Amino acid sequence: MSARGEFWMRWRVRLGYPVAALYLWLAQPEPAWLAAGAVVAVIGLWIRGAAAGHLRKHEALATSGPYRHTRNPLYLGSAVLAAGFLVAGHSWIAALVVAAYFVLFYPAVMRREEQELRARYGSEFDAYAARAPLFWPRLSASGIASARPFSGALYLRNREWQAALGTVLGFALLCAKWMWWR
């Protein structure tokens, strides 16, 4: 990985926690916004979970399931999940902070991962990339076979349950903030 790629990967994680803390501090949750945000967040978790159940990291190029519609369904799911938190937080300032974080880091991280996949899978990745969009999903998946079914074992191996647990914790903190600081 290049030094630039290392930078984006390292700082994406290091700054994620302070951004989350700042978001929580700025959030102004209310019951209706929490409920609406939870619905959006569950959709994001579903996208991430579906992708994790098709991902065989470092073993095979993922092209089945949600990977038929976008090359980055995990990041798409993360964006939808984050949107759920932004709705639940009911704060434009908090939303701008989180959106800036995503815009700053995720395009660079996706480019870096594309380089790694191209180096590992070569023309197989190039052919896949020509059929599946980078981020925004194509609703039809013409030309892309879905050879593998969802695997609960892959979901667990990829530790996607941690995203669900983190979401529950995050919403619990927002609920606590609403109850104790209103």
Protein backbone atom coordinates (compact mmCIF):
# COMPACT_ATOMS: atom_id res chain seq x y z
CA MET A 1 0.00 0.00 0.00
CA SER A 2 1.29 3.47 -0.83
CA ALA A 3 2.11 6.02 1.85
CA ARG A 4 -0.90 8.04 0.71
CA GLY A 5 -3.16 4.97 1.01
CA GLU A 6 -1.79 4.29 4.48
CA PHE A 7 -2.53 7.87 5.48
CA TRP A 8 -6.21 7.63 4.52
CA MET A 9 -6.68 4.25 6.17
CA ARG A 10 -4.94 5.21 9.40
CA TRP A 11 -6.61 8.61 9.82
CA ARG A 12 -10.06 7.37 8.79
CA VAL A 13 -10.12 5.19 11.91
CA ARG A 14 -8.26 7.60 14.20
CA LEU A 15 -10.56 10.51 13.41
CA GLY A 16 -13.72 8.40 13.36
CA TYR A 17 -13.96 8.23 17.14
CA PRO A 18 -13.59 11.98 17.80
CA VAL A 19 -16.07 12.68 14.97
CA ALA A 20 -18.54 10.29 16.62
CA ALA A 21 -18.03 11.99 19.99
CA LEU A 22 -18.52 15.44 18.44
CA TYR A 23 -21.65 14.19 16.68
CA LEU A 24 -23.06 12.88 19.97
CA TRP A 25 -22.28 16.17 21.71
CA LEU A 26 -23.97 18.19 18.93
CA ALA A 27 -26.95 15.86 18.51
CA GLN A 28 -30.37 17.06 19.64
CA PRO A 29 -32.39 13.82 19.53
CA GLU A 30 -36.15 13.77 19.86
CA PRO A 31 -38.40 10.68 19.79
CA ALA A 32 -39.81 11.14 16.27
CA TRP A 33 -36.35 11.82 14.84
CA LEU A 34 -34.89 8.85 16.72
CA ALA A 35 -37.57 6.55 15.30
CA ALA A 36 -37.14 7.82 11.74
CA GLY A 37 -33.36 7.57 12.04
CA ALA A 38 -33.61 4.03 13.37
CA VAL A 39 -35.60 2.97 10.29
CA VAL A 40 -32.92 4.43 7.98
CA ALA A 41 -30.13 2.90 10.08
CA VAL A 42 -31.70 -0.56 9.87
CA ILE A 43 -31.72 -0.25 6.07
CA GLY A 44 -28.00 0.59 6.21
CA LEU A 45 -27.35 -2.40 8.48
CA TRP A 46 -29.29 -4.63 6.10
CA ILE A 47 -27.17 -3.47 3.12
CA ARG A 48 -23.95 -3.99 5.09
CA GLY A 49 -25.09 -7.38 6.37
CA ALA A 50 -26.09 -8.57 2.91
CA ALA A 51 -22.70 -7.50 1.56
CA ALA A 52 -20.77 -9.15 4.41
CA GLY A 53 -22.54 -12.43 3.66
CA HIS A 54 -21.02 -12.40 0.16
CA LEU A 55 -17.51 -11.15 0.97
CA ARG A 56 -14.63 -13.62 0.99
CA LYS A 57 -11.81 -11.22 1.83
CA HIS A 58 -8.52 -12.02 0.11
CA GLU A 59 -10.00 -15.26 -1.30
CA ALA A 60 -12.21 -14.25 -4.21
CA LEU A 61 -13.51 -11.14 -5.92
CA ALA A 62 -16.97 -10.42 -4.52
CA THR A 63 -19.46 -10.06 -7.39
CA SER A 64 -22.60 -11.70 -5.98
CA GLY A 65 -25.45 -10.35 -3.91
CA PRO A 66 -25.23 -6.56 -3.42
CA TYR A 67 -21.86 -6.59 -5.21
CA ARG A 68 -23.84 -7.15 -8.42
CA HIS A 69 -25.25 -3.62 -8.05
CA THR A 70 -22.29 -1.66 -6.65
CA ARG A 71 -18.61 -2.37 -6.07
CA ASN A 72 -18.84 -0.89 -2.57
CA PRO A 73 -22.02 -2.08 -0.85
CA LEU A 74 -20.34 -2.01 2.57
CA TYR A 75 -19.55 1.68 2.15
CA LEU A 76 -23.00 2.32 0.70
CA GLY A 77 -24.50 0.60 3.75
CA SER A 78 -22.25 2.66 6.01
CA ALA A 79 -23.44 5.85 4.31
CA VAL A 80 -27.10 4.86 4.76
CA LEU A 81 -26.38 3.85 8.37
CA ALA A 82 -24.71 7.22 8.98
CA ALA A 83 -27.70 8.95 7.38
CA GLY A 84 -29.87 7.17 9.93
CA PHE A 85 -27.75 8.59 12.73
CA LEU A 86 -27.88 12.04 11.15
CA VAL A 87 -31.67 11.92 11.06
CA ALA A 88 -31.79 10.63 14.65
CA GLY A 89 -29.40 13.33 15.83
CA HIS A 90 -31.64 16.10 14.50
CA SER A 91 -28.77 18.60 14.16
CA TRP A 92 -27.61 20.24 10.95
CA ILE A 93 -24.19 21.01 12.46
CA ALA A 94 -23.69 17.39 13.53
CA ALA A 95 -24.82 16.27 10.08
CA LEU A 96 -22.29 18.57 8.40
CA VAL A 97 -19.47 17.24 10.58
CA VAL A 98 -20.28 13.61 9.77
CA ALA A 99 -20.91 14.32 6.08
CA ALA A 100 -17.56 16.14 5.83
CA TYR A 101 -15.84 13.13 7.39
CA PHE A 102 -17.41 10.78 4.83
CA VAL A 103 -16.64 13.07 1.88
CA LEU A 104 -13.05 13.53 3.03
CA PHE A 105 -12.17 9.90 3.68
CA TYR A 106 -14.39 7.48 1.83
CA PRO A 107 -13.63 8.41 -1.81
CA ALA A 108 -9.90 8.11 -1.10
CA VAL A 109 -10.37 4.80 0.71
CA MET A 110 -12.47 3.42 -2.15
CA ARG A 111 -9.79 4.43 -4.69
CA ARG A 112 -7.10 2.78 -2.59
CA GLU A 113 -9.09 -0.43 -2.30
CA GLU A 114 -9.75 -0.40 -6.05
CA GLN A 115 -5.98 -0.30 -6.63
CA GLU A 116 -5.51 -3.31 -4.35
CA LEU A 117 -8.29 -5.27 -6.05
CA ARG A 118 -6.94 -4.43 -9.50
CA ALA A 119 -3.46 -5.58 -8.43
CA ARG A 120 -4.85 -8.81 -6.97
CA TYR A 121 -7.46 -9.74 -9.60
CA GLY A 122 -6.29 -7.88 -12.74
CA SER A 123 -8.55 -8.23 -15.76
CA GLU A 124 -11.22 -10.03 -13.71
CA PHE A 125 -11.59 -6.89 -11.61
CA ASP A 126 -11.49 -4.62 -14.69
CA ALA A 127 -14.33 -6.58 -16.31
CA TYR A 128 -16.33 -6.43 -13.08
CA ALA A 129 -15.64 -2.70 -12.65
CA ALA A 130 -16.95 -2.09 -16.17
CA ARG A 131 -20.28 -3.68 -15.20
CA ALA A 132 -20.83 -2.53 -11.60
CA PRO A 133 -20.74 1.15 -10.54
CA LEU A 134 -18.28 2.33 -7.90
CA PHE A 135 -20.76 3.51 -5.26
CA TRP A 136 -24.31 4.42 -6.32
CA PRO A 137 -26.04 1.14 -7.11
CA ARG A 138 -27.41 0.19 -10.46
CA LEU A 139 -30.80 -1.39 -9.87
CA SER A 140 -30.40 -3.87 -12.71
CA ALA A 141 -27.45 -6.21 -12.55
CA SER A 142 -27.32 -7.27 -16.17
CA GLY A 143 -24.22 -9.17 -17.14
CA ILE A 144 -23.23 -9.96 -13.58
CA ALA A 145 -24.01 -13.46 -12.41
CA SER A 146 -24.90 -14.06 -8.78
CA ALA A 147 -23.09 -17.35 -8.27
CA ARG A 148 -22.99 -17.41 -4.49
CA PRO A 149 -25.91 -17.24 -2.07
CA PHE A 150 -25.79 -15.24 1.16
CA SER A 151 -23.70 -16.97 3.83
CA GLY A 152 -24.41 -16.46 7.51
CA ALA A 153 -20.99 -17.94 8.24
CA LEU A 154 -19.36 -15.18 6.15
CA TYR A 155 -21.48 -12.58 7.92
CA LEU A 156 -20.07 -13.82 11.23
CA ARG A 157 -16.52 -14.31 9.94
CA ASN A 158 -16.51 -10.74 8.62
CA ARG A 159 -17.66 -9.62 12.09
CA GLU A 160 -20.54 -7.61 10.68
CA TRP A 161 -22.45 -8.19 13.90
CA GLN A 162 -20.17 -5.52 15.37
CA ALA A 163 -21.85 -2.88 13.18
CA ALA A 164 -25.24 -3.94 14.54
CA LEU A 165 -23.95 -3.85 18.11
CA GLY A 166 -22.39 -0.42 17.55
CA THR A 167 -25.65 0.85 16.10
CA VAL A 168 -27.61 -0.34 19.12
CA LEU A 169 -25.08 1.31 21.42
CA GLY A 170 -25.16 4.54 19.40
CA PHE A 171 -28.94 4.73 19.50
CA ALA A 172 -28.90 3.91 23.22
CA LEU A 173 -26.58 6.88 23.77
CA LEU A 174 -28.86 9.13 21.73
CA CYS A 175 -31.88 7.94 23.73
CA ALA A 176 -30.00 8.55 26.97
CA LYS A 177 -29.07 12.04 25.81
CA TRP A 178 -32.71 12.76 25.00
CA MET A 179 -33.95 11.44 28.35
CA TRP A 180 -31.38 13.09 30.59
CA TRP A 181 -30.56 16.36 28.84
CA ARG A 182 -33.88 17.53 27.49
